Amino acid sequence: LTSLQASVDTVAAALAFNSLTIAEGYDAFDDDQDGVVSLRDLQAAVLALQLNLSDADTLALFTHMSSTGHITRDAWAATLSSAQTDDVLKSRGVSLDSPPSPAPAAP
């Protein structure tokens, strides 16, 4: 698993954990709401979501997805659609496949 793929998987896992589609995730990562995800937007989202990506990994992810100084919706979708989120979520103690445990009955 490359560092870049691990970063892609981590971002996609954050979207899955927060019940966001890839398209909704793009809008959520567009921190300044200007319609595109810039490097600053990506850096802000990585910090806000505590994704634990290094500055170098964040920059590599941005460079991989951007060709015009920002990440387009198409590049975002193409990159994240190939992500494998299960291992990232499991490593953080999360399984989206199993239903939540029922609350204990009141005595």
C-alpha atoms as a PDB file:
ATOM      1  CA  LEU A   1       0.000   0.000   0.000  1.00  0.00           C
ATOM      2  CA  THR A   2       1.557   3.274  -1.079  1.00  0.00           C
ATOM      3  CA  SER A   3       1.478   6.376   1.050  1.00  0.00           C
ATOM      4  CA  LEU A   4      -0.701   8.028  -1.603  1.00  0.00           C
ATOM      5  CA  GLN A   5      -3.210   5.162  -1.596  1.00  0.00           C
ATOM      6  CA  ALA A   6      -3.265   5.215   2.212  1.00  0.00           C
ATOM      7  CA  SER A   7      -4.098   8.935   2.080  1.00  0.00           C
ATOM      8  CA  VAL A   8      -6.880   8.345  -0.460  1.00  0.00           C
ATOM      9  CA  ASP A   9      -8.269   5.530   1.693  1.00  0.00           C
ATOM     10  CA  THR A  10      -8.136   7.724   4.807  1.00  0.00           C
ATOM     11  CA  VAL A  11     -10.044  10.590   3.178  1.00  0.00           C
ATOM     12  CA  ALA A  12     -12.652   8.189   1.769  1.00  0.00           C
ATOM     13  CA  ALA A  13     -13.016   6.511   5.165  1.00  0.00           C
ATOM     14  CA  ALA A  14     -13.662   9.903   6.779  1.00  0.00           C
ATOM     15  CA  LEU A  15     -16.426  10.517   4.243  1.00  0.00           C
ATOM     16  CA  ALA A  16     -17.942   7.073   4.890  1.00  0.00           C
ATOM     17  CA  PHE A  17     -17.734   7.542   8.658  1.00  0.00           C
ATOM     18  CA  ASN A  18     -19.562  10.861   8.341  1.00  0.00           C
ATOM     19  CA  SER A  19     -22.169   9.358   5.974  1.00  0.00           C
ATOM     20  CA  LEU A  20     -21.109  11.617   3.115  1.00  0.00           C
ATOM     21  CA  THR A  21     -21.139  10.654  -0.540  1.00  0.00           C
ATOM     22  CA  ILE A  22     -18.077  11.452  -2.607  1.00  0.00           C
ATOM     23  CA  ALA A  23     -19.915  14.502  -4.032  1.00  0.00           C
ATOM     24  CA  GLU A  24     -20.988  15.694  -0.579  1.00  0.00           C
ATOM     25  CA  GLY A  25     -17.426  15.182   0.625  1.00  0.00           C
ATOM     26  CA  TYR A  26     -16.133  17.454  -2.123  1.00  0.00           C
ATOM     27  CA  ASP A  27     -18.455  20.214  -0.914  1.00  0.00           C
ATOM     28  CA  ALA A  28     -17.462  19.564   2.714  1.00  0.00           C
ATOM     29  CA  PHE A  29     -13.747  19.788   1.855  1.00  0.00           C
ATOM     30  CA  ASP A  30     -14.326  23.068  -0.042  1.00  0.00           C
ATOM     31  CA  ASP A  31     -13.642  25.031   3.134  1.00  0.00           C
ATOM     32  CA  ASP A  32     -14.020  28.510   1.609  1.00  0.00           C
ATOM     33  CA  GLN A  33     -17.038  27.451  -0.474  1.00  0.00           C
ATOM     34  CA  ASP A  34     -15.650  28.825  -3.742  1.00  0.00           C
ATOM     35  CA  GLY A  35     -16.631  25.728  -5.726  1.00  0.00           C
ATOM     36  CA  VAL A  36     -13.189  24.108  -5.890  1.00  0.00           C
ATOM     37  CA  VAL A  37     -10.943  22.284  -3.430  1.00  0.00           C
ATOM     38  CA  SER A  38      -7.635  24.123  -3.128  1.00  0.00           C
ATOM     39  CA  LEU A  39      -4.555  22.957  -1.267  1.00  0.00           C
ATOM     40  CA  ARG A  40      -5.567  25.224   1.617  1.00  0.00           C
ATOM     41  CA  ASP A  41      -9.048  23.659   1.650  1.00  0.00           C
ATOM     42  CA  LEU A  42      -7.568  20.163   1.722  1.00  0.00           C
ATOM     43  CA  GLN A  43      -5.116  21.081   4.489  1.00  0.00           C
ATOM     44  CA  ALA A  44      -7.907  22.642   6.575  1.00  0.00           C
ATOM     45  CA  ALA A  45     -10.127  19.575   6.197  1.00  0.00           C
ATOM     46  CA  VAL A  46      -7.302  17.170   7.046  1.00  0.00           C
ATOM     47  CA  LEU A  47      -6.678  19.118  10.261  1.00  0.00           C
ATOM     48  CA  ALA A  48     -10.356  19.574  11.153  1.00  0.00           C
ATOM     49  CA  LEU A  49     -11.121  15.884  10.654  1.00  0.00           C
ATOM     50  CA  GLN A  50      -7.928  14.818  12.444  1.00  0.00           C
ATOM     51  CA  LEU A  51      -6.969  12.516   9.587  1.00  0.00           C
ATOM     52  CA  ASN A  52      -3.345  12.344  10.754  1.00  0.00           C
ATOM     53  CA  LEU A  53      -1.896  12.867   7.281  1.00  0.00           C
ATOM     54  CA  SER A  54       1.535  14.459   7.178  1.00  0.00           C
ATOM     55  CA  ASP A  55       2.039  17.718   5.309  1.00  0.00           C
ATOM     56  CA  ALA A  56       3.972  15.761   2.682  1.00  0.00           C
ATOM     57  CA  ASP A  57       1.170  13.199   2.276  1.00  0.00           C
ATOM     58  CA  THR A  58      -1.447  15.953   2.047  1.00  0.00           C
ATOM     59  CA  LEU A  59       0.603  17.727  -0.614  1.00  0.00           C
ATOM     60  CA  ALA A  60       1.132  14.459  -2.528  1.00  0.00           C
ATOM     61  CA  LEU A  61      -2.606  13.789  -2.436  1.00  0.00           C
ATOM     62  CA  PHE A  62      -3.351  17.289  -3.694  1.00  0.00           C
ATOM     63  CA  THR A  63      -0.721  17.044  -6.436  1.00  0.00           C
ATOM     64  CA  HIS A  64      -2.129  13.681  -7.548  1.00  0.00           C
ATOM     65  CA  MET A  65      -5.683  15.028  -7.821  1.00  0.00           C
ATOM     66  CA  SER A  66      -5.023  18.546  -9.132  1.00  0.00           C
ATOM     67  CA  SER A  67      -3.869  19.585 -12.558  1.00  0.00           C
ATOM     68  CA  THR A  68      -5.073  23.179 -12.552  1.00  0.00           C
ATOM     69  CA  GLY A  69      -4.110  24.404  -9.091  1.00  0.00           C
ATOM     70  CA  HIS A  70      -7.227  22.931  -7.549  1.00  0.00           C
ATOM     71  CA  ILE A  71      -9.011  19.592  -7.356  1.00  0.00           C
ATOM     72  CA  THR A  72     -11.932  19.285  -9.755  1.00  0.00           C
ATOM     73  CA  ARG A  73     -15.063  17.335  -8.890  1.00  0.00           C
ATOM     74  CA  ASP A  74     -14.187  14.802 -11.582  1.00  0.00           C
ATOM     75  CA  ALA A  75     -10.655  14.227 -10.260  1.00  0.00           C
ATOM     76  CA  TRP A  76     -11.995  13.979  -6.694  1.00  0.00           C
ATOM     77  CA  ALA A  77     -14.590  11.400  -7.722  1.00  0.00           C
ATOM     78  CA  ALA A  78     -12.190   9.402  -9.901  1.00  0.00           C
ATOM     79  CA  THR A  79      -9.587   9.193  -7.144  1.00  0.00           C
ATOM     80  CA  LEU A  80     -11.875   8.452  -4.212  1.00  0.00           C
ATOM     81  CA  SER A  81     -14.066   5.955  -6.060  1.00  0.00           C
ATOM     82  CA  SER A  82     -11.171   3.463  -5.995  1.00  0.00           C
ATOM     83  CA  ALA A  83     -10.566   3.821  -2.257  1.00  0.00           C
ATOM     84  CA  GLN A  84     -10.612   0.904   0.164  1.00  0.00           C
ATOM     85  CA  THR A  85     -12.084   2.195   3.417  1.00  0.00           C
ATOM     86  CA  ASP A  86     -12.697  -0.947   5.455  1.00  0.00           C
ATOM     87  CA  ASP A  87      -9.150  -1.370   6.785  1.00  0.00           C
ATOM     88  CA  VAL A  88      -8.892   2.304   7.769  1.00  0.00           C
ATOM     89  CA  LEU A  89     -12.203   2.195   9.622  1.00  0.00           C
ATOM     90  CA  LYS A  90     -11.389  -1.114  11.320  1.00  0.00           C
ATOM     91  CA  SER A  91      -8.007   0.253  12.441  1.00  0.00           C
ATOM     92  CA  ARG A  92      -9.948   2.991  14.207  1.00  0.00           C
ATOM     93  CA  GLY A  93     -12.455   0.598  15.758  1.00  0.00           C
ATOM     94  CA  VAL A  94     -15.296   1.387  13.355  1.00  0.00           C
ATOM     95  CA  SER A  95     -17.383  -1.042  11.341  1.00  0.00           C
ATOM     96  CA  LEU A  96     -20.060   0.457   9.128  1.00  0.00           C
ATOM     97  CA  ASP A  97     -21.408  -2.991   8.206  1.00  0.00           C
ATOM     98  CA  SER A  98     -22.733  -3.894  11.618  1.00  0.00           C
ATOM     99  CA  PRO A  99     -25.798  -2.198  13.062  1.00  0.00           C
ATOM    100  CA  PRO A 100     -25.286  -0.098  16.175  1.00  0.00           C
ATOM    101  CA  SER A 101     -25.686  -1.912  19.447  1.00  0.00           C
ATOM    102  CA  PRO A 102     -29.084  -1.423  21.014  1.00  0.00           C
ATOM    103  CA  ALA A 103     -29.202   0.765  24.071  1.00  0.00           C
ATOM    104  CA  PRO A 104     -29.479  -1.211  27.294  1.00  0.00           C
ATOM    105  CA  ALA A 105     -32.997  -1.490  28.592  1.00  0.00           C
ATOM    106  CA  ALA A 106     -33.819   0.750  31.486  1.00  0.00           C
ATOM    107  CA  PRO A 107     -34.231  -1.177  34.767  1.00  0.00           C
END
